[in-house]
């Protein structure tokens, strides 16, 4: 069977969309660094946070160039783990980021008010910018590269554990650099806000809840759920390994605001129903909407 060849027009459109996301994402990233982080009494996580710390110690060194310089040894160490396509995209993103932080946004007035507000808004802009970059399969380098490389060497550790450990060290380092425990606390607030905003943008639009219901009356339960919340369900045969009883497994995906109604509907039909509720971070197909 002949392989599909990408048309030149499709390639250029993809590059144009990638570039647009890079520009908007890095603009938001630059606001986070230049407006809220540069003169704040704390630093964010990741390599940009380390660059902010070094800028604080050696006043005057450009943050964008510092971030680029810090990324060079990281790339050399981890280029085999991240892959060629991801590496090339990330290099483009890093160069655009350096231009935005050190040139285009370098003279934007910095926020010098409440540090807590600075931490919150830094997290919002940083998380939004990084989410747009990640959507197109790129990154700002730094921790992303190290986490991928470390995961290959220590496969028993999760990506979350590795990222948390690396970012934790940088946030603790900001406490030493600024000689303040508040710097650690504000850095943690900024990191938590950034991660939350990033997850909401990347997964929030398609997120919801998944109800797994083990019941002896699956058909009636599905009808009751459909009547109350207008949601379909999938029925599968289930067999109790301990009891030996034949039952039914009903799966229903719904919005977070509807999950309580689904649970009540199931237990109204079958008070002995076993209901498990879990997160469904991404839901696609058949025109599904969580709203």
C-alpha atoms as a PDB file:
ATOM      1  CA  UNK A   1       0.000   0.000   0.000  1.00  0.00           C
ATOM      2  CA  UNK A   2       1.606   3.344  -0.969  1.00  0.00           C
ATOM      3  CA  UNK A   3       2.576   5.619   1.909  1.00  0.00           C
ATOM      4  CA  UNK A   4       0.852   8.946   2.281  1.00  0.00           C
ATOM      5  CA  UNK A   5       2.961  11.955   1.361  1.00  0.00           C
ATOM      6  CA  UNK A   6       2.227  15.259   3.024  1.00  0.00           C
ATOM      7  CA  UNK A   7       1.312  17.963   0.546  1.00  0.00           C
ATOM      8  CA  UNK A   8       3.488  21.126   0.609  1.00  0.00           C
ATOM      9  CA  UNK A   9       0.431  23.258   1.407  1.00  0.00           C
ATOM     10  CA  UNK A  10      -0.369  21.105   4.444  1.00  0.00           C
ATOM     11  CA  UNK A  11       3.229  21.372   5.710  1.00  0.00           C
ATOM     12  CA  UNK A  12       3.236  25.173   5.406  1.00  0.00           C
ATOM     13  CA  UNK A  13      -0.133  25.455   7.142  1.00  0.00           C
ATOM     14  CA  UNK A  14       1.149  23.304   9.998  1.00  0.00           C
ATOM     15  CA  UNK A  15       4.273  25.431  10.326  1.00  0.00           C
ATOM     16  CA  UNK A  16       2.188  28.611  10.273  1.00  0.00           C
ATOM     17  CA  UNK A  17      -0.098  27.337  13.049  1.00  0.00           C
ATOM     18  CA  UNK A  18       2.931  26.145  15.066  1.00  0.00           C
ATOM     19  CA  UNK A  19       4.500  29.587  14.718  1.00  0.00           C
ATOM     20  CA  UNK A  20       1.294  31.373  15.705  1.00  0.00           C
ATOM     21  CA  UNK A  21       0.977  29.262  18.877  1.00  0.00           C
ATOM     22  CA  UNK A  22       4.668  29.862  19.612  1.00  0.00           C
ATOM     23  CA  UNK A  23       4.277  33.632  19.267  1.00  0.00           C
ATOM     24  CA  UNK A  24       1.151  33.917  21.423  1.00  0.00           C
ATOM     25  CA  UNK A  25       2.441  31.394  23.980  1.00  0.00           C
ATOM     26  CA  UNK A  26       5.811  33.090  24.296  1.00  0.00           C
ATOM     27  CA  UNK A  27       4.162  36.511  24.577  1.00  0.00           C
ATOM     28  CA  UNK A  28       2.224  35.257  27.612  1.00  0.00           C
ATOM     29  CA  UNK A  29       5.392  33.585  28.925  1.00  0.00           C
ATOM     30  CA  UNK A  30       7.315  36.859  28.543  1.00  0.00           C
ATOM     31  CA  UNK A  31       4.638  38.784  30.460  1.00  0.00           C
ATOM     32  CA  UNK A  32       4.942  36.259  33.301  1.00  0.00           C
ATOM     33  CA  UNK A  33       8.729  36.659  33.450  1.00  0.00           C
ATOM     34  CA  UNK A  34       9.208  40.348  32.633  1.00  0.00           C
ATOM     35  CA  UNK A  35       6.189  41.821  34.404  1.00  0.00           C
ATOM     36  CA  UNK A  36       5.625  39.545  37.403  1.00  0.00           C
ATOM     37  CA  UNK A  37       8.839  37.552  38.016  1.00  0.00           C
ATOM     38  CA  UNK A  38      11.718  39.875  37.163  1.00  0.00           C
ATOM     39  CA  UNK A  39      11.388  42.176  40.181  1.00  0.00           C
ATOM     40  CA  UNK A  40       9.389  39.895  42.476  1.00  0.00           C
ATOM     41  CA  UNK A  41      10.954  38.675  45.753  1.00  0.00           C
ATOM     42  CA  UNK A  42      10.769  35.054  44.549  1.00  0.00           C
ATOM     43  CA  UNK A  43      11.297  32.941  41.437  1.00  0.00           C
ATOM     44  CA  UNK A  44       9.091  30.489  39.515  1.00  0.00           C
ATOM     45  CA  UNK A  45      10.055  26.882  38.915  1.00  0.00           C
ATOM     46  CA  UNK A  46      11.791  25.309  35.895  1.00  0.00           C
ATOM     47  CA  UNK A  47      14.830  26.733  34.081  1.00  0.00           C
ATOM     48  CA  UNK A  48      13.213  30.178  33.750  1.00  0.00           C
ATOM     49  CA  UNK A  49      13.083  30.295  37.558  1.00  0.00           C
ATOM     50  CA  UNK A  50      16.777  29.432  37.766  1.00  0.00           C
ATOM     51  CA  UNK A  51      17.480  32.220  35.252  1.00  0.00           C
ATOM     52  CA  UNK A  52      15.478  34.680  37.400  1.00  0.00           C
ATOM     53  CA  UNK A  53      17.535  33.631  40.455  1.00  0.00           C
ATOM     54  CA  UNK A  54      20.819  34.193  38.583  1.00  0.00           C
ATOM     55  CA  UNK A  55      19.518  37.548  37.348  1.00  0.00           C
ATOM     56  CA  UNK A  56      18.855  38.466  40.978  1.00  0.00           C
ATOM     57  CA  UNK A  57      22.331  37.374  42.101  1.00  0.00           C
ATOM     58  CA  UNK A  58      24.174  38.969  39.161  1.00  0.00           C
ATOM     59  CA  UNK A  59      21.952  41.957  38.523  1.00  0.00           C
ATOM     60  CA  UNK A  60      21.725  42.953  34.860  1.00  0.00           C
ATOM     61  CA  UNK A  61      22.242  39.605  33.158  1.00  0.00           C
ATOM     62  CA  UNK A  62      19.375  39.106  30.653  1.00  0.00           C
ATOM     63  CA  UNK A  63      16.947  36.413  31.718  1.00  0.00           C
ATOM     64  CA  UNK A  64      16.245  35.197  28.174  1.00  0.00           C
ATOM     65  CA  UNK A  65      19.933  34.691  27.373  1.00  0.00           C
ATOM     66  CA  UNK A  66      20.487  33.000  30.743  1.00  0.00           C
ATOM     67  CA  UNK A  67      17.614  30.610  30.000  1.00  0.00           C
ATOM     68  CA  UNK A  68      19.093  29.862  26.577  1.00  0.00           C
ATOM     69  CA  UNK A  69      22.585  29.265  28.028  1.00  0.00           C
ATOM     70  CA  UNK A  70      21.207  26.998  30.770  1.00  0.00           C
ATOM     71  CA  UNK A  71      19.307  24.991  28.160  1.00  0.00           C
ATOM     72  CA  UNK A  72      22.436  24.223  26.088  1.00  0.00           C
ATOM     73  CA  UNK A  73      23.989  21.619  28.458  1.00  0.00           C
ATOM     74  CA  UNK A  74      20.522  20.206  29.177  1.00  0.00           C
ATOM     75  CA  UNK A  75      19.950  19.671  25.442  1.00  0.00           C
ATOM     76  CA  UNK A  76      23.381  18.054  25.039  1.00  0.00           C
ATOM     77  CA  UNK A  77      22.632  15.625  27.863  1.00  0.00           C
ATOM     78  CA  UNK A  78      19.073  14.742  26.874  1.00  0.00           C
ATOM     79  CA  UNK A  79      18.791  15.117  23.075  1.00  0.00           C
ATOM     80  CA  UNK A  80      18.655  11.337  22.538  1.00  0.00           C
ATOM     81  CA  UNK A  81      15.730  10.978  24.950  1.00  0.00           C
ATOM     82  CA  UNK A  82      13.510  13.720  23.525  1.00  0.00           C
ATOM     83  CA  UNK A  83      13.731  12.867  19.823  1.00  0.00           C
ATOM     84  CA  UNK A  84      14.703  14.955  16.812  1.00  0.00           C
ATOM     85  CA  UNK A  85      11.283  16.497  16.000  1.00  0.00           C
ATOM     86  CA  UNK A  86      10.577  17.551  19.579  1.00  0.00           C
ATOM     87  CA  UNK A  87      14.116  18.916  19.911  1.00  0.00           C
ATOM     88  CA  UNK A  88      13.898  21.044  16.742  1.00  0.00           C
ATOM     89  CA  UNK A  89      10.487  22.428  17.689  1.00  0.00           C
ATOM     90  CA  UNK A  90      11.730  23.224  21.187  1.00  0.00           C
ATOM     91  CA  UNK A  91      14.826  24.985  19.849  1.00  0.00           C
ATOM     92  CA  UNK A  92      12.584  27.256  17.782  1.00  0.00           C
ATOM     93  CA  UNK A  93      10.426  27.958  20.842  1.00  0.00           C
ATOM     94  CA  UNK A  94      13.480  28.698  23.014  1.00  0.00           C
ATOM     95  CA  UNK A  95      14.862  31.184  20.465  1.00  0.00           C
ATOM     96  CA  UNK A  96      11.505  32.973  20.167  1.00  0.00           C
ATOM     97  CA  UNK A  97      11.244  33.023  23.966  1.00  0.00           C
ATOM     98  CA  UNK A  98      14.698  34.622  24.257  1.00  0.00           C
ATOM     99  CA  UNK A  99      13.734  37.320  21.737  1.00  0.00           C
ATOM    100  CA  UNK A 100      10.486  38.088  23.545  1.00  0.00           C
ATOM    101  CA  UNK A 101      11.951  38.184  27.079  1.00  0.00           C
ATOM    102  CA  UNK A 102      15.146  40.132  26.346  1.00  0.00           C
ATOM    103  CA  UNK A 103      14.028  42.418  23.500  1.00  0.00           C
ATOM    104  CA  UNK A 104      10.306  42.805  22.864  1.00  0.00           C
ATOM    105  CA  UNK A 105       9.147  42.780  26.503  1.00  0.00           C
ATOM    106  CA  UNK A 106      12.370  43.946  28.176  1.00  0.00           C
ATOM    107  CA  UNK A 107      11.104  47.502  28.763  1.00  0.00           C
ATOM    108  CA  UNK A 108       7.554  46.633  29.796  1.00  0.00           C
ATOM    109  CA  UNK A 109       6.896  48.151  33.277  1.00  0.00           C
ATOM    110  CA  UNK A 110       7.246  45.507  35.994  1.00  0.00           C
ATOM    111  CA  UNK A 111       4.635  44.910  38.677  1.00  0.00           C
ATOM    112  CA  UNK A 112       5.991  45.836  42.117  1.00  0.00           C
ATOM    113  CA  UNK A 113       2.873  45.440  44.252  1.00  0.00           C
ATOM    114  CA  UNK A 114       1.621  42.593  46.431  1.00  0.00           C
ATOM    115  CA  UNK A 115       3.911  39.522  46.050  1.00  0.00           C
ATOM    116  CA  UNK A 116       0.937  37.151  46.394  1.00  0.00           C
ATOM    117  CA  UNK A 117      -0.827  38.823  43.465  1.00  0.00           C
ATOM    118  CA  UNK A 118       2.438  38.680  41.528  1.00  0.00           C
ATOM    119  CA  UNK A 119       2.685  34.927  42.229  1.00  0.00           C
ATOM    120  CA  UNK A 120      -0.920  34.291  41.178  1.00  0.00           C
ATOM    121  CA  UNK A 121      -0.760  36.302  37.962  1.00  0.00           C
ATOM    122  CA  UNK A 122       2.676  34.949  37.114  1.00  0.00           C
ATOM    123  CA  UNK A 123       1.202  31.459  37.375  1.00  0.00           C
ATOM    124  CA  UNK A 124      -1.782  32.370  35.195  1.00  0.00           C
ATOM    125  CA  UNK A 125       0.338  33.874  32.391  1.00  0.00           C
ATOM    126  CA  UNK A 126       3.071  31.236  32.645  1.00  0.00           C
ATOM    127  CA  UNK A 127       0.605  28.332  32.626  1.00  0.00           C
ATOM    128  CA  UNK A 128      -1.358  29.820  29.708  1.00  0.00           C
ATOM    129  CA  UNK A 129       1.781  30.401  27.647  1.00  0.00           C
ATOM    130  CA  UNK A 130       3.245  26.965  28.290  1.00  0.00           C
ATOM    131  CA  UNK A 131      -0.091  25.280  27.513  1.00  0.00           C
ATOM    132  CA  UNK A 132      -0.202  26.909  24.066  1.00  0.00           C
ATOM    133  CA  UNK A 133       3.378  25.813  23.398  1.00  0.00           C
ATOM    134  CA  UNK A 134       2.674  22.228  24.548  1.00  0.00           C
ATOM    135  CA  UNK A 135      -0.437  22.030  22.360  1.00  0.00           C
ATOM    136  CA  UNK A 136       1.795  22.038  19.268  1.00  0.00           C
ATOM    137  CA  UNK A 137       4.222  19.411  20.526  1.00  0.00           C
ATOM    138  CA  UNK A 138       6.939  21.842  21.594  1.00  0.00           C
ATOM    139  CA  UNK A 139       8.380  23.087  24.889  1.00  0.00           C
ATOM    140  CA  UNK A 140      10.548  25.790  26.415  1.00  0.00           C
ATOM    141  CA  UNK A 141      13.234  23.201  27.126  1.00  0.00           C
ATOM    142  CA  UNK A 142      14.778  22.852  30.549  1.00  0.00           C
ATOM    143  CA  UNK A 143      12.822  20.633  32.926  1.00  0.00           C
ATOM    144  CA  UNK A 144      10.889  18.966  30.076  1.00  0.00           C
ATOM    145  CA  UNK A 145      14.133  17.637  28.585  1.00  0.00           C
ATOM    146  CA  UNK A 146      15.565  16.605  31.961  1.00  0.00           C
ATOM    147  CA  UNK A 147      12.394  14.789  32.993  1.00  0.00           C
ATOM    148  CA  UNK A 148      12.356  12.769  29.744  1.00  0.00           C
ATOM    149  CA  UNK A 149      16.045  11.886  30.094  1.00  0.00           C
ATOM    150  CA  UNK A 150      15.707  11.010  33.792  1.00  0.00           C
ATOM    151  CA  UNK A 151      12.640   8.858  33.062  1.00  0.00           C
ATOM    152  CA  UNK A 152      14.750   6.666  30.751  1.00  0.00           C
ATOM    153  CA  UNK A 153      17.387   6.229  33.452  1.00  0.00           C
ATOM    154  CA  UNK A 154      14.930   5.805  36.340  1.00  0.00           C
ATOM    155  CA  UNK A 155      11.829   4.204  34.767  1.00  0.00           C
ATOM    156  CA  UNK A 156      10.372   3.308  38.181  1.00  0.00           C
ATOM    157  CA  UNK A 157       9.797   7.016  38.905  1.00  0.00           C
ATOM    158  CA  UNK A 158       6.762   8.790  37.472  1.00  0.00           C
ATOM    159  CA  UNK A 159       7.013  11.909  35.309  1.00  0.00           C
ATOM    160  CA  UNK A 160       5.179  13.839  38.034  1.00  0.00           C
ATOM    161  CA  UNK A 161       7.640  12.749  40.715  1.00  0.00           C
ATOM    162  CA  UNK A 162      10.628  13.730  38.586  1.00  0.00           C
ATOM    163  CA  UNK A 163       9.179  17.130  37.650  1.00  0.00           C
ATOM    164  CA  UNK A 164       8.172  17.820  41.254  1.00  0.00           C
ATOM    165  CA  UNK A 165      11.657  16.974  42.500  1.00  0.00           C
ATOM    166  CA  UNK A 166      13.429  19.208  39.969  1.00  0.00           C
ATOM    167  CA  UNK A 167      11.061  22.134  40.438  1.00  0.00           C
ATOM    168  CA  UNK A 168      11.201  21.724  44.220  1.00  0.00           C
ATOM    169  CA  UNK A 169      14.973  22.145  44.184  1.00  0.00           C
ATOM    170  CA  UNK A 170      14.700  25.382  42.171  1.00  0.00           C
ATOM    171  CA  UNK A 171      12.007  26.794  44.482  1.00  0.00           C
ATOM    172  CA  UNK A 172      14.141  25.934  47.538  1.00  0.00           C
ATOM    173  CA  UNK A 173      17.094  27.579  45.781  1.00  0.00           C
ATOM    174  CA  UNK A 174      15.056  30.766  45.412  1.00  0.00           C
ATOM    175  CA  UNK A 175      14.616  30.800  49.195  1.00  0.00           C
ATOM    176  CA  UNK A 176      18.405  30.739  49.609  1.00  0.00           C
ATOM    177  CA  UNK A 177      18.978  33.364  46.907  1.00  0.00           C
ATOM    178  CA  UNK A 178      16.383  35.778  48.315  1.00  0.00           C
ATOM    179  CA  UNK A 179      17.179  34.730  51.912  1.00  0.00           C
ATOM    180  CA  UNK A 180      13.494  34.427  52.705  1.00  0.00           C
ATOM    181  CA  UNK A 181      11.075  31.625  53.473  1.00  0.00           C
ATOM    182  CA  UNK A 182       8.396  33.738  51.787  1.00  0.00           C
ATOM    183  CA  UNK A 183      10.273  33.295  48.498  1.00  0.00           C
ATOM    184  CA  UNK A 184       9.730  29.529  48.756  1.00  0.00           C
ATOM    185  CA  UNK A 185       6.029  29.935  49.609  1.00  0.00           C
ATOM    186  CA  UNK A 186       5.363  32.451  46.827  1.00  0.00           C
ATOM    187  CA  UNK A 187       7.281  30.265  44.373  1.00  0.00           C
ATOM    188  CA  UNK A 188       5.134  27.283  45.365  1.00  0.00           C
ATOM    189  CA  UNK A 189       1.959  29.364  44.848  1.00  0.00           C
ATOM    190  CA  UNK A 190       3.153  30.461  41.388  1.00  0.00           C
ATOM    191  CA  UNK A 191       4.033  26.876  40.421  1.00  0.00           C
ATOM    192  CA  UNK A 192       0.718  25.463  41.652  1.00  0.00           C
ATOM    193  CA  UNK A 193      -1.231  28.190  39.816  1.00  0.00           C
ATOM    194  CA  UNK A 194       0.761  27.616  36.639  1.00  0.00           C
ATOM    195  CA  UNK A 195       0.174  23.854  36.729  1.00  0.00           C
ATOM    196  CA  UNK A 196      -3.540  24.274  37.418  1.00  0.00           C
ATOM    197  CA  UNK A 197      -4.058  26.790  34.604  1.00  0.00           C
ATOM    198  CA  UNK A 198      -2.037  24.631  32.219  1.00  0.00           C
ATOM    199  CA  UNK A 199      -4.129  21.538  32.997  1.00  0.00           C
ATOM    200  CA  UNK A 200      -7.384  23.480  32.613  1.00  0.00           C
ATOM    201  CA  UNK A 201      -6.364  24.763  29.187  1.00  0.00           C
ATOM    202  CA  UNK A 202      -4.941  21.455  27.962  1.00  0.00           C
ATOM    203  CA  UNK A 203      -7.584  19.139  29.415  1.00  0.00           C
ATOM    204  CA  UNK A 204     -10.310  21.235  31.019  1.00  0.00           C
ATOM    205  CA  UNK A 205     -12.371  21.802  27.882  1.00  0.00           C
ATOM    206  CA  UNK A 206     -12.877  18.084  27.412  1.00  0.00           C
ATOM    207  CA  UNK A 207     -12.788  16.881  30.996  1.00  0.00           C
ATOM    208  CA  UNK A 208     -15.581  15.270  32.952  1.00  0.00           C
ATOM    209  CA  UNK A 209     -16.449  12.322  35.178  1.00  0.00           C
ATOM    210  CA  UNK A 210     -16.719   8.606  34.471  1.00  0.00           C
ATOM    211  CA  UNK A 211     -19.194   6.572  36.520  1.00  0.00           C
ATOM    212  CA  UNK A 212     -18.698   2.794  36.665  1.00  0.00           C
ATOM    213  CA  UNK A 213     -21.826   1.188  38.103  1.00  0.00           C
ATOM    214  CA  UNK A 214     -22.115  -2.501  38.954  1.00  0.00           C
ATOM    215  CA  UNK A 215     -25.817  -3.310  39.260  1.00  0.00           C
ATOM    216  CA  UNK A 216     -28.354  -6.095  38.878  1.00  0.00           C
ATOM    217  CA  UNK A 217     -30.657  -3.887  36.798  1.00  0.00           C
ATOM    218  CA  UNK A 218     -28.490  -2.184  34.197  1.00  0.00           C
ATOM    219  CA  UNK A 219     -31.192  -1.487  31.609  1.00  0.00           C
ATOM    220  CA  UNK A 220     -33.492   0.321  34.040  1.00  0.00           C
ATOM    221  CA  UNK A 221     -30.542   2.231  35.545  1.00  0.00           C
ATOM    222  CA  UNK A 222     -29.461   3.406  32.088  1.00  0.00           C
ATOM    223  CA  UNK A 223     -33.036   4.528  31.355  1.00  0.00           C
ATOM    224  CA  UNK A 224     -33.223   6.448  34.640  1.00  0.00           C
ATOM    225  CA  UNK A 225     -29.896   8.199  33.961  1.00  0.00           C
ATOM    226  CA  UNK A 226     -31.008   9.122  30.457  1.00  0.00           C
ATOM    227  CA  UNK A 227     -34.310  10.474  31.835  1.00  0.00           C
ATOM    228  CA  UNK A 228     -32.653  12.674  34.479  1.00  0.00           C
ATOM    229  CA  UNK A 229     -29.435  13.933  32.850  1.00  0.00           C
ATOM    230  CA  UNK A 230     -29.949  13.004  29.185  1.00  0.00           C
ATOM    231  CA  UNK A 231     -26.769  10.917  29.085  1.00  0.00           C
ATOM    232  CA  UNK A 232     -26.298   7.622  27.307  1.00  0.00           C
ATOM    233  CA  UNK A 233     -24.529   4.669  28.875  1.00  0.00           C
ATOM    234  CA  UNK A 234     -22.768   1.458  27.890  1.00  0.00           C
ATOM    235  CA  UNK A 235     -23.757  -1.897  29.391  1.00  0.00           C
ATOM    236  CA  UNK A 236     -21.350  -4.812  29.748  1.00  0.00           C
ATOM    237  CA  UNK A 237     -21.857  -8.228  31.366  1.00  0.00           C
ATOM    238  CA  UNK A 238     -20.080  -8.548  34.731  1.00  0.00           C
ATOM    239  CA  UNK A 239     -19.357 -11.587  36.922  1.00  0.00           C
ATOM    240  CA  UNK A 240     -18.592 -11.428  40.653  1.00  0.00           C
ATOM    241  CA  UNK A 241     -15.378 -13.371  41.239  1.00  0.00           C
ATOM    242  CA  UNK A 242     -16.134 -13.892  44.945  1.00  0.00           C
ATOM    243  CA  UNK A 243     -19.952 -14.149  44.949  1.00  0.00           C
ATOM    244  CA  UNK A 244     -20.273 -15.890  41.600  1.00  0.00           C
ATOM    245  CA  UNK A 245     -23.279 -13.718  40.783  1.00  0.00           C
ATOM    246  CA  UNK A 246     -24.017 -12.473  37.275  1.00  0.00           C
ATOM    247  CA  UNK A 247     -24.431  -8.692  37.206  1.00  0.00           C
ATOM    248  CA  UNK A 248     -24.014  -5.797  34.772  1.00  0.00           C
ATOM    249  CA  UNK A 249     -21.384  -3.054  34.440  1.00  0.00           C
ATOM    250  CA  UNK A 250     -22.751   0.285  33.292  1.00  0.00           C
ATOM    251  CA  UNK A 251     -20.372   3.020  32.111  1.00  0.00           C
ATOM    252  CA  UNK A 252     -21.569   6.626  31.881  1.00  0.00           C
ATOM    253  CA  UNK A 253     -19.543   9.735  31.072  1.00  0.00           C
ATOM    254  CA  UNK A 254     -20.965  13.083  32.154  1.00  0.00           C
ATOM    255  CA  UNK A 255     -20.003  16.561  33.323  1.00  0.00           C
ATOM    256  CA  UNK A 256     -18.792  17.214  36.854  1.00  0.00           C
ATOM    257  CA  UNK A 257     -22.053  18.982  37.705  1.00  0.00           C
ATOM    258  CA  UNK A 258     -24.092  15.926  36.626  1.00  0.00           C
ATOM    259  CA  UNK A 259     -22.196  13.160  38.415  1.00  0.00           C
ATOM    260  CA  UNK A 260     -24.206  13.532  41.649  1.00  0.00           C
ATOM    261  CA  UNK A 261     -27.468  13.042  39.699  1.00  0.00           C
ATOM    262  CA  UNK A 262     -26.050   9.950  37.958  1.00  0.00           C
ATOM    263  CA  UNK A 263     -25.048   8.444  41.302  1.00  0.00           C
ATOM    264  CA  UNK A 264     -28.477   9.147  42.805  1.00  0.00           C
ATOM    265  CA  UNK A 265     -30.248   7.677  39.759  1.00  0.00           C
ATOM    266  CA  UNK A 266     -28.218   4.457  40.000  1.00  0.00           C
ATOM    267  CA  UNK A 267     -28.875   3.991  43.716  1.00  0.00           C
ATOM    268  CA  UNK A 268     -32.550   4.893  43.343  1.00  0.00           C
ATOM    269  CA  UNK A 269     -33.037   1.989  40.912  1.00  0.00           C
ATOM    270  CA  UNK A 270     -30.718  -0.412  42.757  1.00  0.00           C
ATOM    271  CA  UNK A 271     -29.843   0.510  46.380  1.00  0.00           C
ATOM    272  CA  UNK A 272     -27.216  -2.265  46.323  1.00  0.00           C
ATOM    273  CA  UNK A 273     -25.459  -0.837  43.244  1.00  0.00           C
ATOM    274  CA  UNK A 274     -21.703  -0.440  43.528  1.00  0.00           C
ATOM    275  CA  UNK A 275     -20.765   2.987  42.112  1.00  0.00           C
ATOM    276  CA  UNK A 276     -17.214   4.075  41.257  1.00  0.00           C
ATOM    277  CA  UNK A 277     -16.527   7.639  40.117  1.00  0.00           C
ATOM    278  CA  UNK A 278     -13.286   8.691  38.474  1.00  0.00           C
ATOM    279  CA  UNK A 279     -11.867  11.605  36.481  1.00  0.00           C
ATOM    280  CA  UNK A 280     -12.080  11.547  32.695  1.00  0.00           C
ATOM    281  CA  UNK A 281      -9.433  14.089  31.720  1.00  0.00           C
ATOM    282  CA  UNK A 282     -10.210  14.006  27.989  1.00  0.00           C
ATOM    283  CA  UNK A 283     -13.469  13.002  26.307  1.00  0.00           C
ATOM    284  CA  UNK A 284     -13.986  12.862  22.562  1.00  0.00           C
ATOM    285  CA  UNK A 285     -16.455  11.320  20.172  1.00  0.00           C
ATOM    286  CA  UNK A 286     -20.056  11.402  19.014  1.00  0.00           C
ATOM    287  CA  UNK A 287     -20.459  15.128  19.666  1.00  0.00           C
ATOM    288  CA  UNK A 288     -19.903  14.735  23.403  1.00  0.00           C
ATOM    289  CA  UNK A 289     -20.064  17.944  25.453  1.00  0.00           C
ATOM    290  CA  UNK A 290     -19.489  18.163  29.226  1.00  0.00           C
ATOM    291  CA  UNK A 291     -21.539  21.345  29.547  1.00  0.00           C
END
